[in-house]
Amino acid sequence: MGISIGMITVDTADALKLARWWAEALGGEIAEENEGWFVTVALGAGRPMIAFQKVADPTPGKNRIHLDLRADDRTAEVERLIAAGATLVAERSMGDGFAWTTLADPDGNQFCVASD
């Protein structure tokens, strides 16, 4: 394939604060701070980076794109993320037994955590 995801960027009023939260949540590290206006988080070789861009007016309402995270132990990871500042939005499931948890980061951006 000739195209792949290189970086996922999130608009925020405080790029450095949110980048630090996601770096901790995903086990990444701050790669570039750029004086707090565009902060990148490296997640490891072969994985896309996640970036946080300071904007004066972040998009209001529910985010149109969200991260779907996979965890070996969904319950433990959800508990860890909530303790770190995430907010529980909902527990969800599909008829075939597949379940996931929707959370929001400290800026209110929703994301999901599921297990195999």
C-alpha atoms as a PDB file:
ATOM      1  CA  MET A   1       0.000   0.000   0.000  1.00  0.00           C
ATOM      2  CA  GLY A   2       1.290   3.484  -0.835  1.00  0.00           C
ATOM      3  CA  ILE A   3      -0.252   5.325   2.101  1.00  0.00           C
ATOM      4  CA  SER A   4      -0.289   4.861   5.867  1.00  0.00           C
ATOM      5  CA  ILE A   5      -1.040   6.851   9.002  1.00  0.00           C
ATOM      6  CA  GLY A   6       1.984   8.846  10.099  1.00  0.00           C
ATOM      7  CA  MET A   7       0.381  10.964  12.812  1.00  0.00           C
ATOM      8  CA  ILE A   8      -2.987  11.570  14.420  1.00  0.00           C
ATOM      9  CA  THR A   9      -3.471  15.216  15.462  1.00  0.00           C
ATOM     10  CA  VAL A  10      -5.869  16.555  18.077  1.00  0.00           C
ATOM     11  CA  ASP A  11      -6.823  20.244  18.469  1.00  0.00           C
ATOM     12  CA  THR A  12      -6.700  21.530  22.033  1.00  0.00           C
ATOM     13  CA  ALA A  13      -6.381  24.714  24.074  1.00  0.00           C
ATOM     14  CA  ASP A  14      -3.397  23.285  26.015  1.00  0.00           C
ATOM     15  CA  ALA A  15      -1.299  21.072  23.743  1.00  0.00           C
ATOM     16  CA  LEU A  16       1.490  20.291  26.204  1.00  0.00           C
ATOM     17  CA  LYS A  17      -0.854  19.320  29.048  1.00  0.00           C
ATOM     18  CA  LEU A  18      -2.934  16.988  26.875  1.00  0.00           C
ATOM     19  CA  ALA A  19       0.153  15.511  25.177  1.00  0.00           C
ATOM     20  CA  ARG A  20       1.647  14.673  28.560  1.00  0.00           C
ATOM     21  CA  TRP A  21      -1.587  12.958  29.586  1.00  0.00           C
ATOM     22  CA  TRP A  22      -1.719  10.832  26.413  1.00  0.00           C
ATOM     23  CA  ALA A  23       2.008  10.039  26.581  1.00  0.00           C
ATOM     24  CA  GLU A  24       1.468   8.639  30.063  1.00  0.00           C
ATOM     25  CA  ALA A  25      -1.752   6.843  29.084  1.00  0.00           C
ATOM     26  CA  LEU A  26      -0.177   5.123  26.055  1.00  0.00           C
ATOM     27  CA  GLY A  27       3.338   4.570  27.409  1.00  0.00           C
ATOM     28  CA  GLY A  28       4.805   7.026  24.909  1.00  0.00           C
ATOM     29  CA  GLU A  29       7.137   9.970  25.269  1.00  0.00           C
ATOM     30  CA  ILE A  30       7.082  13.600  24.250  1.00  0.00           C
ATOM     31  CA  ALA A  31       9.148  13.821  21.060  1.00  0.00           C
ATOM     32  CA  GLU A  32       8.774  17.548  20.271  1.00  0.00           C
ATOM     33  CA  GLU A  33       7.344  20.394  22.353  1.00  0.00           C
ATOM     34  CA  ASN A  34       7.612  23.304  19.871  1.00  0.00           C
ATOM     35  CA  GLU A  35       7.022  25.860  22.640  1.00  0.00           C
ATOM     36  CA  GLY A  36       3.664  24.238  23.441  1.00  0.00           C
ATOM     37  CA  TRP A  37       1.905  25.021  20.153  1.00  0.00           C
ATOM     38  CA  PHE A  38       2.415  21.624  18.445  1.00  0.00           C
ATOM     39  CA  VAL A  39       3.459  18.759  20.705  1.00  0.00           C
ATOM     40  CA  THR A  40       4.172  15.269  19.372  1.00  0.00           C
ATOM     41  CA  VAL A  41       4.120  11.981  21.256  1.00  0.00           C
ATOM     42  CA  ALA A  42       6.173   9.032  20.000  1.00  0.00           C
ATOM     43  CA  LEU A  43       4.551   5.665  20.670  1.00  0.00           C
ATOM     44  CA  GLY A  44       7.378   3.441  19.483  1.00  0.00           C
ATOM     45  CA  ALA A  45       8.865   2.128  16.268  1.00  0.00           C
ATOM     46  CA  GLY A  46       6.342   1.230  13.608  1.00  0.00           C
ATOM     47  CA  ARG A  47       3.473   2.996  15.399  1.00  0.00           C
ATOM     48  CA  PRO A  48       1.981   6.309  14.279  1.00  0.00           C
ATOM     49  CA  MET A  49       2.697   9.387  16.335  1.00  0.00           C
ATOM     50  CA  ILE A  50      -0.034  11.337  18.068  1.00  0.00           C
ATOM     51  CA  ALA A  51       0.163  15.136  18.105  1.00  0.00           C
ATOM     52  CA  PHE A  52      -1.623  17.929  19.928  1.00  0.00           C
ATOM     53  CA  GLN A  53      -2.039  21.292  18.240  1.00  0.00           C
ATOM     54  CA  LYS A  54      -2.841  24.418  20.231  1.00  0.00           C
ATOM     55  CA  VAL A  55      -5.786  26.268  18.725  1.00  0.00           C
ATOM     56  CA  ALA A  56      -7.734  29.264  19.979  1.00  0.00           C
ATOM     57  CA  ASP A  57     -11.110  27.603  19.476  1.00  0.00           C
ATOM     58  CA  PRO A  58     -11.218  23.769  19.560  1.00  0.00           C
ATOM     59  CA  THR A  59     -14.147  22.190  17.729  1.00  0.00           C
ATOM     60  CA  PRO A  60     -17.145  22.064  20.092  1.00  0.00           C
ATOM     61  CA  GLY A  61     -19.261  18.974  20.659  1.00  0.00           C
ATOM     62  CA  LYS A  62     -18.463  15.312  20.139  1.00  0.00           C
ATOM     63  CA  ASN A  63     -15.237  14.622  18.292  1.00  0.00           C
ATOM     64  CA  ARG A  64     -15.721  13.219  14.781  1.00  0.00           C
ATOM     65  CA  ILE A  65     -12.687  10.938  14.927  1.00  0.00           C
ATOM     66  CA  HIS A  66     -11.690   8.937  17.957  1.00  0.00           C
ATOM     67  CA  LEU A  67      -9.051   6.408  19.006  1.00  0.00           C
ATOM     68  CA  ASP A  68      -9.984   2.767  19.481  1.00  0.00           C
ATOM     69  CA  LEU A  69      -7.471   1.230  21.874  1.00  0.00           C
ATOM     70  CA  ARG A  70      -6.970  -2.489  22.470  1.00  0.00           C
ATOM     71  CA  ALA A  71      -5.973  -3.800  25.905  1.00  0.00           C
ATOM     72  CA  ASP A  72      -5.079  -7.239  27.213  1.00  0.00           C
ATOM     73  CA  ASP A  73      -7.036  -6.445  30.395  1.00  0.00           C
ATOM     74  CA  ARG A  74      -9.735  -3.889  29.551  1.00  0.00           C
ATOM     75  CA  THR A  75     -10.987  -3.522  33.120  1.00  0.00           C
ATOM     76  CA  ALA A  76      -7.524  -2.812  34.525  1.00  0.00           C
ATOM     77  CA  GLU A  77      -6.686  -0.326  31.760  1.00  0.00           C
ATOM     78  CA  VAL A  78      -9.990   1.503  32.144  1.00  0.00           C
ATOM     79  CA  GLU A  79      -9.406   1.778  35.892  1.00  0.00           C
ATOM     80  CA  ARG A  80      -5.869   3.070  35.286  1.00  0.00           C
ATOM     81  CA  LEU A  81      -7.034   5.668  32.760  1.00  0.00           C
ATOM     82  CA  ILE A  82      -9.840   6.896  35.012  1.00  0.00           C
ATOM     83  CA  ALA A  83      -7.391   7.209  37.925  1.00  0.00           C
ATOM     84  CA  ALA A  84      -5.160   9.268  35.609  1.00  0.00           C
ATOM     85  CA  GLY A  85      -7.967  11.701  34.762  1.00  0.00           C
ATOM     86  CA  ALA A  86     -10.161  10.107  32.088  1.00  0.00           C
ATOM     87  CA  THR A  87     -13.939  10.188  32.498  1.00  0.00           C
ATOM     88  CA  LEU A  88     -16.224   7.206  31.983  1.00  0.00           C
ATOM     89  CA  VAL A  89     -18.742   7.892  29.198  1.00  0.00           C
ATOM     90  CA  ALA A  90     -20.360   4.455  28.778  1.00  0.00           C
ATOM     91  CA  GLU A  91     -19.925   0.691  28.851  1.00  0.00           C
ATOM     92  CA  ARG A  92     -21.010  -0.762  25.504  1.00  0.00           C
ATOM     93  CA  SER A  93     -21.416  -4.179  23.880  1.00  0.00           C
ATOM     94  CA  MET A  94     -22.607  -5.888  20.731  1.00  0.00           C
ATOM     95  CA  GLY A  95     -24.752  -8.991  20.490  1.00  0.00           C
ATOM     96  CA  ASP A  96     -21.817 -11.312  19.781  1.00  0.00           C
ATOM     97  CA  GLY A  97     -20.228 -10.663  23.189  1.00  0.00           C
ATOM     98  CA  PHE A  98     -17.836  -7.948  22.026  1.00  0.00           C
ATOM     99  CA  ALA A  99     -17.633  -5.206  24.678  1.00  0.00           C
ATOM    100  CA  TRP A 100     -15.807  -1.917  25.012  1.00  0.00           C
ATOM    101  CA  THR A 101     -15.641   1.117  27.268  1.00  0.00           C
ATOM    102  CA  THR A 102     -15.979   4.676  26.014  1.00  0.00           C
ATOM    103  CA  LEU A 103     -13.950   7.213  27.965  1.00  0.00           C
ATOM    104  CA  ALA A 104     -13.118  10.907  27.551  1.00  0.00           C
ATOM    105  CA  ASP A 105      -9.658  12.397  28.017  1.00  0.00           C
ATOM    106  CA  PRO A 106      -9.183  15.521  30.201  1.00  0.00           C
ATOM    107  CA  ASP A 107     -10.229  17.734  27.237  1.00  0.00           C
ATOM    108  CA  GLY A 108     -13.427  15.737  26.659  1.00  0.00           C
ATOM    109  CA  ASN A 109     -12.197  13.872  23.549  1.00  0.00           C
ATOM    110  CA  GLN A 110     -13.861  10.469  23.532  1.00  0.00           C
ATOM    111  CA  PHE A 111     -11.958   7.244  22.912  1.00  0.00           C
ATOM    112  CA  CYS A 112     -12.717   3.543  23.323  1.00  0.00           C
ATOM    113  CA  VAL A 113     -10.934   0.688  25.060  1.00  0.00           C
ATOM    114  CA  ALA A 114     -11.658  -2.919  24.070  1.00  0.00           C
ATOM    115  CA  SER A 115     -10.010  -6.277  24.502  1.00  0.00           C
ATOM    116  CA  ASP A 116      -9.613  -9.164  22.083  1.00  0.00           C
END
